Amino acid sequence: MNRILIMVLGLTALISLNAWPQQKKSQTKATTATAKAMTIVGMVSADEKSFVNDKDKKTWTVDNPEALKGHGGHHVSLRASVDSAKNEIHVLSVKMFTATTKPATKPKSSY
C-alpha cells in the first residue's frame, strides 16, 4: 500500500514539473503578441543576430535569428514585432532587395 502511495505522489510531482515550463512559454508568447508589428527596412548584421534600421540607424537585437538565416549582410525589408522597451524585434517575414529592387524613397529634387 505504501509503494502505491509513493508512486502516485511521484507521478503527481512529475506532472506538475512538466506543466511549469509550458506555463512560462505561454507567458512569453503573450508578451511577444503585445509588441507592435510593423515593416522596417535596413541591413542584417553578418552574424544575423541584429538589424540596423535605415530610417534612424537604430540597431535592434533579433530574438529569432533563425528567421534571418542566409540574409547576413543583406539589405532587407522586415515585417516584425517591435519591442521598444527591450530593443528587440521578432521577425515575421523577410524580403530581400535585389540589385534592381530598391526600397521606395521620395525622389530628390534637382532644383
N, C-alpha and C. Protein backbone atom coordinates (compact mmCIF):
# COMPACT_ATOMS: atom_id res chain seq x y z
N MET A 1 0.81 -1.19 0.00
CA MET A 1 0.00 0.00 0.00
C MET A 1 0.86 1.26 0.00
N ASN A 2 1.94 1.24 0.77
CA ASN A 2 2.83 2.39 0.83
C ASN A 2 3.52 2.63 -0.52
N ARG A 3 3.86 1.57 -1.22
CA ARG A 3 4.51 1.70 -2.53
C ARG A 3 3.58 2.41 -3.52
N ILE A 4 2.31 2.05 -3.50
CA ILE A 4 1.34 2.67 -4.40
C ILE A 4 1.20 4.16 -4.09
N LEU A 5 1.15 4.50 -2.81
CA LEU A 5 1.04 5.90 -2.40
C LEU A 5 2.26 6.70 -2.84
N ILE A 6 3.45 6.14 -2.69
CA ILE A 6 4.68 6.82 -3.10
C ILE A 6 4.71 6.99 -4.62
N MET A 7 4.26 5.97 -5.37
CA MET A 7 4.23 6.07 -6.83
C MET A 7 3.26 7.16 -7.29
N VAL A 8 2.10 7.23 -6.65
CA VAL A 8 1.11 8.25 -7.01
C VAL A 8 1.66 9.65 -6.72
N LEU A 9 2.30 9.84 -5.58
CA LEU A 9 2.89 11.13 -5.25
C LEU A 9 4.02 11.49 -6.22
N GLY A 10 4.82 10.51 -6.60
CA GLY A 10 5.91 10.74 -7.56
C GLY A 10 5.37 11.16 -8.93
N LEU A 11 4.33 10.48 -9.41
CA LEU A 11 3.73 10.83 -10.70
C LEU A 11 3.10 12.23 -10.65
N THR A 12 2.49 12.57 -9.55
CA THR A 12 1.90 13.90 -9.40
C THR A 12 2.98 14.97 -9.48
N ALA A 13 4.11 14.72 -8.83
CA ALA A 13 5.22 15.68 -8.87
C ALA A 13 5.77 15.82 -10.28
N LEU A 14 5.91 14.72 -11.01
CA LEU A 14 6.42 14.78 -12.39
C LEU A 14 5.48 15.56 -13.30
N ILE A 15 4.20 15.33 -13.15
CA ILE A 15 3.22 16.04 -13.98
C ILE A 15 3.26 17.53 -13.69
N SER A 16 3.40 17.89 -12.41
CA SER A 16 3.48 19.31 -12.04
C SER A 16 4.72 19.97 -12.63
N LEU A 17 5.85 19.27 -12.59
CA LEU A 17 7.09 19.83 -13.13
C LEU A 17 7.03 19.99 -14.65
N ASN A 18 6.30 19.12 -15.34
CA ASN A 18 6.15 19.24 -16.79
C ASN A 18 5.24 20.40 -17.17
N ALA A 19 4.27 20.71 -16.35
CA ALA A 19 3.33 21.80 -16.65
C ALA A 19 3.96 23.17 -16.43
N TRP A 20 4.91 23.28 -15.54
CA TRP A 20 5.51 24.57 -15.21
C TRP A 20 6.21 25.23 -16.40
N PRO A 21 7.09 24.53 -17.19
CA PRO A 21 7.70 25.18 -18.36
C PRO A 21 6.68 25.57 -19.43
N GLN A 22 5.61 24.80 -19.58
CA GLN A 22 4.60 25.14 -20.56
C GLN A 22 3.91 26.45 -20.20
N GLN A 23 3.72 26.70 -18.93
CA GLN A 23 3.11 27.94 -18.48
C GLN A 23 4.03 29.12 -18.80
N LYS A 24 5.34 28.98 -18.62
CA LYS A 24 6.28 30.05 -18.93
C LYS A 24 6.29 30.36 -20.42
N LYS A 25 6.20 29.33 -21.28
CA LYS A 25 6.19 29.54 -22.72
C LYS A 25 4.97 30.33 -23.14
N SER A 26 3.83 30.04 -22.59
CA SER A 26 2.62 30.76 -22.97
C SER A 26 2.69 32.22 -22.51
N GLN A 27 3.34 32.50 -21.40
CA GLN A 27 3.51 33.87 -20.94
C GLN A 27 4.44 34.63 -21.89
N THR A 28 5.49 33.98 -22.38
CA THR A 28 6.42 34.61 -23.32
C THR A 28 5.72 34.93 -24.62
N LYS A 29 4.89 34.03 -25.12
CA LYS A 29 4.16 34.26 -26.36
C LYS A 29 3.19 35.42 -26.20
N ALA A 30 2.58 35.56 -25.05
CA ALA A 30 1.66 36.67 -24.80
C ALA A 30 2.40 37.99 -24.83
N THR A 31 3.61 38.03 -24.29
CA THR A 31 4.42 39.24 -24.32
C THR A 31 4.78 39.61 -25.75
N THR A 32 5.17 38.62 -26.57
CA THR A 32 5.51 38.88 -27.96
C THR A 32 4.30 39.38 -28.73
N ALA A 33 3.13 38.86 -28.41
CA ALA A 33 1.92 39.25 -29.12
C ALA A 33 1.56 40.70 -28.85
N THR A 34 1.96 41.26 -27.70
CA THR A 34 1.62 42.63 -27.38
C THR A 34 2.55 43.63 -28.08
N ALA A 35 3.68 43.17 -28.61
CA ALA A 35 4.59 44.06 -29.33
C ALA A 35 3.93 44.50 -30.63
N LYS A 36 4.28 45.70 -31.09
CA LYS A 36 3.67 46.29 -32.27
C LYS A 36 4.34 45.74 -33.54
N ALA A 37 3.53 45.18 -34.47
CA ALA A 37 4.05 44.65 -35.73
C ALA A 37 4.16 45.79 -36.74
N MET A 38 5.30 45.86 -37.44
CA MET A 38 5.50 46.90 -38.43
C MET A 38 6.50 46.45 -39.48
N THR A 39 6.59 47.19 -40.57
CA THR A 39 7.56 46.92 -41.63
C THR A 39 8.72 47.89 -41.48
N ILE A 40 9.93 47.35 -41.45
CA ILE A 40 11.13 48.17 -41.35
C ILE A 40 12.14 47.73 -42.40
N VAL A 41 12.93 48.68 -42.87
CA VAL A 41 13.91 48.44 -43.93
C VAL A 41 15.30 48.73 -43.38
N GLY A 42 16.26 47.85 -43.69
CA GLY A 42 17.62 48.08 -43.22
C GLY A 42 18.54 46.92 -43.56
N MET A 43 19.66 46.87 -42.82
CA MET A 43 20.69 45.86 -43.05
C MET A 43 20.72 44.84 -41.93
N VAL A 44 20.89 43.57 -42.32
CA VAL A 44 21.07 42.48 -41.36
C VAL A 44 22.56 42.37 -41.08
N SER A 45 22.92 42.19 -39.81
CA SER A 45 24.34 42.05 -39.45
C SER A 45 24.89 40.75 -40.05
N ALA A 46 26.21 40.67 -40.12
CA ALA A 46 26.85 39.48 -40.69
C ALA A 46 26.55 38.23 -39.87
N ASP A 47 26.41 38.37 -38.55
CA ASP A 47 26.11 37.20 -37.72
C ASP A 47 24.61 36.91 -37.62
N GLU A 48 23.80 37.73 -38.30
CA GLU A 48 22.33 37.55 -38.41
C GLU A 48 21.62 37.64 -37.06
N LYS A 49 22.23 38.32 -36.08
CA LYS A 49 21.62 38.44 -34.76
C LYS A 49 21.16 39.86 -34.45
N SER A 50 21.44 40.78 -35.36
CA SER A 50 20.98 42.16 -35.16
C SER A 50 20.60 42.77 -36.50
N PHE A 51 19.91 43.90 -36.42
CA PHE A 51 19.37 44.57 -37.60
C PHE A 51 19.51 46.08 -37.41
N VAL A 52 19.99 46.79 -38.44
CA VAL A 52 20.14 48.24 -38.37
C VAL A 52 19.11 48.87 -39.29
N ASN A 53 18.22 49.66 -38.71
CA ASN A 53 17.15 50.33 -39.43
C ASN A 53 17.73 51.46 -40.29
N ASP A 54 17.33 51.56 -41.57
CA ASP A 54 17.81 52.62 -42.45
C ASP A 54 17.33 54.00 -42.01
N LYS A 55 16.12 54.05 -41.51
CA LYS A 55 15.48 55.34 -41.22
C LYS A 55 16.21 56.12 -40.13
N ASP A 56 16.48 55.50 -38.99
CA ASP A 56 17.10 56.21 -37.88
C ASP A 56 18.43 55.60 -37.42
N LYS A 57 18.92 54.61 -38.16
CA LYS A 57 20.18 53.91 -37.86
C LYS A 57 20.18 53.24 -36.49
N LYS A 58 19.00 52.91 -36.00
CA LYS A 58 18.87 52.23 -34.71
C LYS A 58 19.17 50.76 -34.89
N THR A 59 19.91 50.18 -33.96
CA THR A 59 20.24 48.75 -34.00
C THR A 59 19.28 47.99 -33.11
N TRP A 60 18.70 46.93 -33.67
CA TRP A 60 17.75 46.09 -32.95
C TRP A 60 18.35 44.70 -32.78
N THR A 61 18.11 44.08 -31.64
CA THR A 61 18.50 42.68 -31.42
C THR A 61 17.37 41.81 -31.94
N VAL A 62 17.72 40.76 -32.69
CA VAL A 62 16.73 39.86 -33.26
C VAL A 62 16.55 38.68 -32.31
N ASP A 63 15.31 38.48 -31.81
CA ASP A 63 15.10 37.39 -30.86
C ASP A 63 14.88 36.04 -31.52
N ASN A 64 14.73 36.02 -32.83
CA ASN A 64 14.63 34.74 -33.56
C ASN A 64 15.55 34.81 -34.80
N PRO A 65 16.88 34.75 -34.58
CA PRO A 65 17.83 34.91 -35.70
C PRO A 65 17.72 33.84 -36.78
N GLU A 66 17.10 32.71 -36.46
CA GLU A 66 16.93 31.66 -37.48
C GLU A 66 16.05 32.15 -38.63
N ALA A 67 15.21 33.16 -38.40
CA ALA A 67 14.36 33.71 -39.45
C ALA A 67 15.18 34.50 -40.47
N LEU A 68 16.38 34.96 -40.08
CA LEU A 68 17.24 35.73 -40.98
C LEU A 68 18.35 34.89 -41.59
N LYS A 69 18.28 33.59 -41.43
CA LYS A 69 19.32 32.70 -41.95
C LYS A 69 19.50 32.91 -43.45
N GLY A 70 20.74 33.15 -43.86
CA GLY A 70 21.06 33.36 -45.27
C GLY A 70 20.95 34.81 -45.71
N HIS A 71 20.59 35.72 -44.80
CA HIS A 71 20.44 37.13 -45.16
C HIS A 71 21.50 38.02 -44.52
N GLY A 72 22.54 37.43 -43.93
CA GLY A 72 23.59 38.20 -43.27
C GLY A 72 24.25 39.18 -44.23
N GLY A 73 24.32 40.47 -43.85
CA GLY A 73 24.94 41.50 -44.67
C GLY A 73 24.06 42.02 -45.79
N HIS A 74 22.82 41.56 -45.89
CA HIS A 74 21.92 41.97 -46.97
C HIS A 74 21.00 43.11 -46.55
N HIS A 75 20.58 43.87 -47.53
CA HIS A 75 19.60 44.94 -47.35
C HIS A 75 18.22 44.32 -47.53
N VAL A 76 17.39 44.39 -46.48
CA VAL A 76 16.11 43.69 -46.49
C VAL A 76 14.98 44.57 -45.96
N SER A 77 13.77 44.11 -46.22
CA SER A 77 12.57 44.68 -45.62
C SER A 77 12.00 43.61 -44.71
N LEU A 78 11.78 43.96 -43.44
CA LEU A 78 11.28 43.01 -42.47
C LEU A 78 9.87 43.37 -42.03
N ARG A 79 9.05 42.38 -41.86
CA ARG A 79 7.78 42.53 -41.16
C ARG A 79 8.07 41.93 -39.79
N ALA A 80 8.03 42.75 -38.75
CA ALA A 80 8.46 42.29 -37.44
C ALA A 80 7.64 42.91 -36.32
N SER A 81 7.59 42.20 -35.22
CA SER A 81 7.00 42.73 -33.99
C SER A 81 8.12 43.46 -33.25
N VAL A 82 7.90 44.71 -32.95
CA VAL A 82 8.93 45.55 -32.35
C VAL A 82 8.63 45.75 -30.87
N ASP A 83 9.61 45.47 -30.03
CA ASP A 83 9.50 45.71 -28.59
C ASP A 83 10.53 46.77 -28.24
N SER A 84 10.09 48.02 -28.19
CA SER A 84 10.99 49.14 -27.93
C SER A 84 11.60 49.09 -26.54
N ALA A 85 10.87 48.57 -25.57
CA ALA A 85 11.37 48.52 -24.20
C ALA A 85 12.60 47.62 -24.09
N LYS A 86 12.61 46.51 -24.83
CA LYS A 86 13.74 45.58 -24.80
C LYS A 86 14.72 45.82 -25.94
N ASN A 87 14.38 46.72 -26.86
CA ASN A 87 15.19 46.99 -28.04
C ASN A 87 15.34 45.71 -28.87
N GLU A 88 14.24 44.94 -29.01
CA GLU A 88 14.23 43.67 -29.73
C GLU A 88 13.16 43.67 -30.80
N ILE A 89 13.42 42.85 -31.83
CA ILE A 89 12.40 42.60 -32.84
C ILE A 89 12.23 41.09 -32.98
N HIS A 90 11.01 40.69 -33.32
CA HIS A 90 10.70 39.29 -33.63
C HIS A 90 10.29 39.28 -35.10
N VAL A 91 11.12 38.69 -35.94
CA VAL A 91 10.92 38.71 -37.39
C VAL A 91 9.76 37.79 -37.78
N LEU A 92 8.79 38.35 -38.51
CA LEU A 92 7.66 37.59 -39.02
C LEU A 92 7.88 37.18 -40.47
N SER A 93 8.46 38.08 -41.28
CA SER A 93 8.78 37.77 -42.67
C SER A 93 9.93 38.64 -43.15
N VAL A 94 10.63 38.16 -44.19
CA VAL A 94 11.81 38.85 -44.73
C VAL A 94 11.66 38.96 -46.24
N LYS A 95 11.93 40.15 -46.79
CA LYS A 95 12.01 40.34 -48.24
C LYS A 95 13.36 40.97 -48.53
N MET A 96 14.16 40.28 -49.35
CA MET A 96 15.48 40.79 -49.68
C MET A 96 15.39 41.66 -50.93
N PHE A 97 16.09 42.79 -50.90
CA PHE A 97 16.14 43.65 -52.07
C PHE A 97 17.24 43.16 -52.99
N THR A 98 16.92 43.06 -54.29
CA THR A 98 17.91 42.67 -55.28
C THR A 98 18.56 43.93 -55.83
N ALA A 99 19.48 43.77 -56.76
CA ALA A 99 20.17 44.92 -57.35
C ALA A 99 19.18 45.83 -58.08
N THR A 100 18.13 45.24 -58.66
CA THR A 100 17.16 46.05 -59.40
C THR A 100 16.03 46.56 -58.52
N THR A 101 15.82 45.92 -57.36
CA THR A 101 14.75 46.34 -56.45
C THR A 101 15.34 47.22 -55.37
N LYS A 102 14.83 48.40 -55.24
CA LYS A 102 15.28 49.32 -54.21
C LYS A 102 14.09 49.70 -53.35
N PRO A 103 14.32 50.04 -52.11
CA PRO A 103 13.19 50.46 -51.28
C PRO A 103 12.61 51.77 -51.76
N ALA A 104 11.31 51.92 -51.57
CA ALA A 104 10.63 53.14 -52.03
C ALA A 104 11.12 54.34 -51.22
N THR A 105 11.61 55.33 -51.93
CA THR A 105 12.06 56.58 -51.30
C THR A 105 11.48 57.75 -52.08
N LYS A 106 11.48 58.88 -51.45
CA LYS A 106 11.00 60.07 -52.14
C LYS A 106 12.03 60.50 -53.16
N PRO A 107 11.60 60.88 -54.37
CA PRO A 107 12.56 61.35 -55.35
C PRO A 107 13.17 62.68 -54.89
N LYS A 108 14.46 62.83 -55.13
CA LYS A 108 15.13 64.06 -54.74
C LYS A 108 14.96 65.12 -55.82
N SER A 109 14.74 66.30 -55.39
CA SER A 109 14.57 67.40 -56.32
C SER A 109 15.93 67.85 -56.84
N SER A 110 16.03 68.17 -58.10
CA SER A 110 17.28 68.62 -58.68
C SER A 110 17.35 70.14 -58.77
N TYR A 111 16.40 70.82 -58.18
CA TYR A 111 16.38 72.28 -58.24
C TYR A 111 17.22 72.90 -57.16
